[in-house]
N, C-alpha and C. Protein backbone atom coordinates (compact mmCIF):
# COMPACT_ATOMS: atom_id res chain seq x y z
N ALA A 1 90.33 109.76 118.79
CA ALA A 1 89.14 109.59 119.68
C ALA A 1 88.77 108.06 119.71
N CYS A 2 87.64 107.68 119.19
CA CYS A 2 87.21 106.27 119.29
C CYS A 2 88.10 105.36 118.45
N PHE A 3 88.78 105.88 117.44
CA PHE A 3 89.61 105.04 116.60
C PHE A 3 91.04 104.88 117.15
N ASP A 4 91.42 105.72 118.13
CA ASP A 4 92.77 105.76 118.61
C ASP A 4 93.28 104.43 119.12
N LYS A 5 92.47 103.71 119.91
CA LYS A 5 92.92 102.44 120.49
C LYS A 5 93.08 101.41 119.37
N LEU A 6 92.23 101.37 118.42
CA LEU A 6 92.33 100.46 117.29
C LEU A 6 93.58 100.79 116.47
N ALA A 7 93.80 102.06 116.26
CA ALA A 7 95.01 102.47 115.50
C ALA A 7 96.26 102.07 116.20
N ALA A 8 96.31 102.26 117.53
CA ALA A 8 97.51 101.86 118.28
C ALA A 8 97.72 100.33 118.21
N ALA A 9 96.67 99.61 118.27
CA ALA A 9 96.78 98.13 118.19
C ALA A 9 97.28 97.69 116.81
N LEU A 10 96.80 98.34 115.79
CA LEU A 10 97.26 98.05 114.41
C LEU A 10 98.73 98.39 114.21
N VAL A 11 99.13 99.53 114.78
CA VAL A 11 100.58 99.93 114.71
C VAL A 11 101.45 98.90 115.41
N ASN A 12 100.92 98.44 116.58
CA ASN A 12 101.67 97.41 117.33
C ASN A 12 101.81 96.13 116.54
N GLU A 13 100.92 95.85 115.65
CA GLU A 13 100.91 94.67 114.81
C GLU A 13 101.73 94.86 113.56
N GLY A 14 102.27 96.07 113.34
CA GLY A 14 103.14 96.31 112.18
C GLY A 14 102.47 97.01 111.00
N TYR A 15 101.24 97.43 111.18
CA TYR A 15 100.56 98.14 110.11
C TYR A 15 100.93 99.60 110.18
N ARG A 16 100.91 100.24 109.00
CA ARG A 16 101.06 101.68 108.86
C ARG A 16 99.66 102.25 108.91
N VAL A 17 99.41 103.20 109.77
CA VAL A 17 98.02 103.74 110.00
C VAL A 17 98.01 105.19 109.58
N LEU A 18 97.04 105.54 108.81
CA LEU A 18 96.81 106.99 108.39
C LEU A 18 95.52 107.43 108.99
N GLN A 19 95.52 108.41 109.85
CA GLN A 19 94.34 109.01 110.41
C GLN A 19 94.35 110.49 110.01
N TYR A 20 93.24 111.01 109.56
CA TYR A 20 93.19 112.45 109.21
C TYR A 20 91.80 112.97 109.51
N ASP A 21 91.66 114.27 109.61
CA ASP A 21 90.39 114.92 109.76
C ASP A 21 89.83 115.29 108.40
N VAL A 22 88.58 115.00 108.17
CA VAL A 22 87.91 115.49 106.98
C VAL A 22 87.78 116.97 107.14
N MET A 23 88.06 117.69 106.13
CA MET A 23 88.00 119.18 106.15
C MET A 23 86.79 119.71 106.84
N GLY A 24 87.03 120.58 107.85
CA GLY A 24 85.91 121.19 108.57
C GLY A 24 85.31 120.33 109.67
N ARG A 25 85.92 119.15 109.91
CA ARG A 25 85.35 118.28 110.95
C ARG A 25 86.50 117.92 111.91
N GLY A 26 86.17 117.35 113.06
CA GLY A 26 87.20 116.95 113.96
C GLY A 26 87.94 118.18 114.51
N TRP A 27 89.28 118.16 114.36
CA TRP A 27 90.10 119.26 114.84
C TRP A 27 90.39 120.27 113.75
N SER A 28 90.04 119.96 112.50
CA SER A 28 90.39 120.91 111.44
C SER A 28 89.35 122.04 111.35
N ASP A 29 89.86 123.22 110.96
CA ASP A 29 89.01 124.39 110.83
C ASP A 29 88.32 124.37 109.45
N PRO A 30 87.18 125.01 109.39
CA PRO A 30 86.50 125.15 108.07
C PRO A 30 87.39 125.93 107.14
N ALA A 31 87.32 125.64 105.85
CA ALA A 31 88.12 126.39 104.86
C ALA A 31 87.19 127.16 103.92
N ASN A 32 87.63 128.25 103.49
CA ASN A 32 86.83 129.01 102.49
C ASN A 32 87.00 128.32 101.12
N ASN A 33 85.95 128.41 100.31
CA ASN A 33 86.02 127.84 98.97
C ASN A 33 86.21 126.34 98.96
N TYR A 34 85.68 125.61 99.93
CA TYR A 34 85.87 124.17 99.99
C TYR A 34 84.47 123.54 99.68
N GLN A 35 84.44 122.51 98.96
CA GLN A 35 83.23 121.78 98.58
C GLN A 35 82.89 120.76 99.69
N TYR A 36 81.97 121.18 100.59
CA TYR A 36 81.62 120.31 101.73
C TYR A 36 80.55 119.32 101.34
N ASP A 37 80.91 118.30 100.58
CA ASP A 37 80.06 117.21 100.24
C ASP A 37 80.87 115.96 99.95
N GLY A 38 80.23 114.87 99.57
CA GLY A 38 80.98 113.64 99.34
C GLY A 38 82.06 113.79 98.31
N ALA A 39 81.80 114.52 97.26
CA ALA A 39 82.79 114.72 96.23
C ALA A 39 84.00 115.44 96.76
N GLY A 40 83.74 116.49 97.52
CA GLY A 40 84.88 117.28 98.10
C GLY A 40 85.69 116.45 99.07
N HIS A 41 85.05 115.70 99.91
CA HIS A 41 85.78 114.87 100.87
C HIS A 41 86.50 113.74 100.19
N VAL A 42 85.93 113.14 99.15
CA VAL A 42 86.63 112.09 98.40
C VAL A 42 87.89 112.72 97.73
N ASN A 43 87.74 113.90 97.22
CA ASN A 43 88.85 114.60 96.53
C ASN A 43 89.93 114.83 97.57
N GLN A 44 89.56 115.27 98.77
CA GLN A 44 90.53 115.46 99.85
C GLN A 44 91.32 114.25 100.16
N LEU A 45 90.61 113.13 100.30
CA LEU A 45 91.31 111.83 100.54
C LEU A 45 92.26 111.44 99.40
N HIS A 46 91.75 111.60 98.11
CA HIS A 46 92.59 111.30 96.99
C HIS A 46 93.85 112.14 96.97
N GLN A 47 93.72 113.41 97.21
CA GLN A 47 94.85 114.34 97.20
C GLN A 47 95.83 113.99 98.32
N LEU A 48 95.32 113.64 99.47
CA LEU A 48 96.16 113.23 100.59
C LEU A 48 96.95 111.94 100.27
N LEU A 49 96.28 110.97 99.70
CA LEU A 49 96.95 109.73 99.31
C LEU A 49 98.04 109.99 98.27
N LYS A 50 97.71 110.88 97.31
CA LYS A 50 98.69 111.22 96.26
C LYS A 50 99.88 111.92 96.84
N GLU A 51 99.60 112.90 97.71
CA GLU A 51 100.71 113.66 98.35
C GLU A 51 101.66 112.72 99.18
N LEU A 52 101.09 111.71 99.81
CA LEU A 52 101.84 110.76 100.60
C LEU A 52 102.37 109.61 99.73
N GLN A 53 102.10 109.64 98.44
CA GLN A 53 102.50 108.61 97.48
C GLN A 53 101.95 107.24 97.89
N LEU A 54 100.76 107.21 98.34
CA LEU A 54 100.02 106.00 98.77
C LEU A 54 98.89 105.63 97.87
N HIS A 55 98.51 106.49 96.87
CA HIS A 55 97.34 106.28 96.09
C HIS A 55 97.40 104.98 95.19
N ASP A 56 98.60 104.61 94.86
CA ASP A 56 98.70 103.40 94.00
C ASP A 56 99.40 102.24 94.71
N GLN A 57 99.45 102.30 96.08
CA GLN A 57 100.08 101.29 96.87
C GLN A 57 98.99 100.27 97.38
N PRO A 58 99.36 98.99 97.54
CA PRO A 58 98.39 98.09 98.19
C PRO A 58 98.05 98.63 99.60
N LYS A 59 96.75 98.38 99.90
CA LYS A 59 96.32 98.89 101.22
C LYS A 59 95.16 98.11 101.75
N ASP A 60 95.02 98.06 103.07
CA ASP A 60 93.80 97.60 103.73
C ASP A 60 93.15 98.90 104.23
N ILE A 61 91.82 98.96 104.13
CA ILE A 61 91.09 100.17 104.57
C ILE A 61 90.17 99.80 105.69
N ILE A 62 90.27 100.49 106.79
CA ILE A 62 89.33 100.42 107.91
C ILE A 62 88.79 101.78 108.07
N ALA A 63 87.49 101.91 108.02
CA ALA A 63 86.85 103.24 108.13
C ALA A 63 85.66 103.19 109.11
N HIS A 64 85.46 104.24 109.87
CA HIS A 64 84.45 104.33 110.86
C HIS A 64 83.47 105.47 110.56
N SER A 65 82.20 105.21 110.82
CA SER A 65 81.18 106.26 110.74
C SER A 65 81.17 106.93 109.33
N MET A 66 81.29 108.25 109.30
CA MET A 66 81.30 108.97 108.02
C MET A 66 82.47 108.48 107.13
N GLY A 67 83.55 108.09 107.73
CA GLY A 67 84.69 107.55 107.00
C GLY A 67 84.29 106.32 106.22
N GLY A 68 83.35 105.52 106.72
CA GLY A 68 82.85 104.35 105.97
C GLY A 68 82.19 104.75 104.72
N ALA A 69 81.33 105.78 104.82
CA ALA A 69 80.62 106.29 103.60
C ALA A 69 81.68 106.86 102.59
N LEU A 70 82.69 107.61 103.10
CA LEU A 70 83.67 108.17 102.21
C LEU A 70 84.55 107.12 101.61
N ALA A 71 84.85 106.06 102.36
CA ALA A 71 85.69 104.97 101.78
C ALA A 71 84.94 104.33 100.65
N ALA A 72 83.66 104.10 100.82
CA ALA A 72 82.83 103.50 99.77
C ALA A 72 82.79 104.38 98.54
N LEU A 73 82.54 105.68 98.74
CA LEU A 73 82.51 106.57 97.63
C LEU A 73 83.89 106.62 96.93
N TYR A 74 84.95 106.68 97.72
CA TYR A 74 86.27 106.73 97.12
C TYR A 74 86.57 105.55 96.23
N LEU A 75 86.21 104.35 96.73
CA LEU A 75 86.48 103.12 95.96
C LEU A 75 85.60 103.10 94.70
N ASP A 76 84.40 103.65 94.82
CA ASP A 76 83.50 103.67 93.64
C ASP A 76 84.04 104.65 92.57
N GLU A 77 84.61 105.77 93.02
CA GLU A 77 85.08 106.76 92.07
C GLU A 77 86.50 106.48 91.55
N HIS A 78 87.22 105.58 92.25
CA HIS A 78 88.59 105.29 91.85
C HIS A 78 88.76 103.74 91.80
N PRO A 79 88.12 103.12 90.78
CA PRO A 79 88.09 101.63 90.72
C PRO A 79 89.44 100.95 90.68
N PRO A 80 90.48 101.60 90.13
CA PRO A 80 91.78 100.91 90.20
C PRO A 80 92.25 100.67 91.61
N VAL A 81 91.79 101.53 92.53
CA VAL A 81 92.22 101.37 93.95
C VAL A 81 91.30 100.36 94.60
N GLN A 82 91.71 99.08 94.69
CA GLN A 82 90.92 98.07 95.33
C GLN A 82 91.74 97.55 96.50
N PRO A 83 91.24 97.74 97.74
CA PRO A 83 92.05 97.29 98.90
C PRO A 83 92.01 95.76 99.02
N SER A 84 93.07 95.24 99.65
CA SER A 84 93.11 93.84 99.91
C SER A 84 92.02 93.52 101.01
N LYS A 85 91.74 94.43 101.87
CA LYS A 85 90.72 94.26 102.88
C LYS A 85 89.99 95.63 103.03
N LEU A 86 88.67 95.53 103.23
CA LEU A 86 87.87 96.71 103.51
C LEU A 86 86.98 96.40 104.68
N VAL A 87 87.14 97.21 105.73
CA VAL A 87 86.36 97.01 107.00
C VAL A 87 85.65 98.33 107.23
N LEU A 88 84.35 98.29 107.25
CA LEU A 88 83.56 99.49 107.58
C LEU A 88 82.90 99.29 108.94
N LEU A 89 83.29 100.14 109.86
CA LEU A 89 82.77 100.08 111.25
C LEU A 89 81.68 101.14 111.42
N SER A 90 80.43 100.68 111.62
CA SER A 90 79.29 101.56 111.79
C SER A 90 79.24 102.64 110.72
N PRO A 91 79.26 102.28 109.42
CA PRO A 91 79.39 103.27 108.37
C PRO A 91 78.09 104.09 108.29
N ALA A 92 78.29 105.36 108.10
CA ALA A 92 77.16 106.34 107.95
C ALA A 92 76.84 106.56 106.55
N GLY A 93 75.60 106.77 106.28
CA GLY A 93 75.20 107.20 104.90
C GLY A 93 75.20 106.16 103.84
N LEU A 94 75.25 104.85 104.18
CA LEU A 94 75.28 103.86 103.12
C LEU A 94 73.93 103.20 102.91
N MET A 95 72.97 103.54 103.70
CA MET A 95 71.63 102.93 103.62
C MET A 95 70.66 103.86 102.87
N LYS A 96 69.80 103.20 102.08
CA LYS A 96 68.75 103.97 101.41
C LYS A 96 67.57 104.07 102.41
N PRO A 97 66.77 105.09 102.28
CA PRO A 97 65.58 105.20 103.11
C PRO A 97 64.68 104.02 102.83
N GLY A 98 63.93 103.60 103.86
CA GLY A 98 62.99 102.54 103.65
C GLY A 98 63.40 101.30 104.46
N PRO A 99 62.64 100.21 104.25
CA PRO A 99 62.93 99.02 105.09
C PRO A 99 64.32 98.43 104.79
N VAL A 100 64.87 97.88 105.81
CA VAL A 100 66.18 97.20 105.66
C VAL A 100 65.91 95.73 105.35
N VAL A 101 66.49 95.25 104.29
CA VAL A 101 66.27 93.94 103.82
C VAL A 101 67.58 93.06 104.21
N HIS A 102 67.36 92.06 104.93
CA HIS A 102 68.48 91.17 105.35
C HIS A 102 68.54 89.97 104.41
N ALA A 103 69.72 89.63 104.04
CA ALA A 103 69.87 88.44 103.13
C ALA A 103 71.18 87.79 103.55
N ARG A 104 71.21 86.50 103.36
CA ARG A 104 72.42 85.75 103.58
C ARG A 104 72.78 85.01 102.32
N LEU A 105 74.03 85.05 101.93
CA LEU A 105 74.50 84.49 100.65
C LEU A 105 75.39 83.28 100.95
N ASP A 106 75.25 82.27 100.14
CA ASP A 106 76.16 81.10 100.29
C ASP A 106 77.48 81.46 99.57
N GLN A 107 78.41 80.52 99.59
CA GLN A 107 79.77 80.75 99.00
C GLN A 107 79.71 81.11 97.51
N GLU A 108 78.70 80.68 96.85
CA GLU A 108 78.60 80.97 95.38
C GLU A 108 77.84 82.27 95.15
N GLY A 109 77.35 82.93 96.21
CA GLY A 109 76.65 84.17 96.07
C GLY A 109 75.16 84.05 95.91
N ALA A 110 74.63 82.86 96.04
CA ALA A 110 73.16 82.66 95.93
C ALA A 110 72.48 82.99 97.27
N GLN A 111 71.37 83.61 97.19
CA GLN A 111 70.68 84.06 98.44
C GLN A 111 70.13 82.81 99.14
N VAL A 112 70.42 82.68 100.41
CA VAL A 112 69.99 81.54 101.25
C VAL A 112 68.65 81.94 101.95
N TRP A 113 68.53 83.12 102.46
CA TRP A 113 67.32 83.61 103.09
C TRP A 113 67.21 85.09 102.96
């Protein structure tokens, strides 16, 4: 869908691209006895990467919408897996309720404003 053009461009640049449906979303059917929450979806991603023997390979991660939230959860739960690049496009579910605080950091990580 909205990721297809970006995926095609990345493939044309020589990247290997993995696209999949989160269980019960997109084109996949709901499954019985599946844990439909962040933990279940993170487990699905981990099992997919293990099955494809990609879980311990260097990788760049680009994630969109709910995939952004899942990528952040996955990296939090699997600290050895640190991508060389992480790009979150319109990530869902990463904000806490309440006012949004904007800050800018300098190269040393000190807040500028």
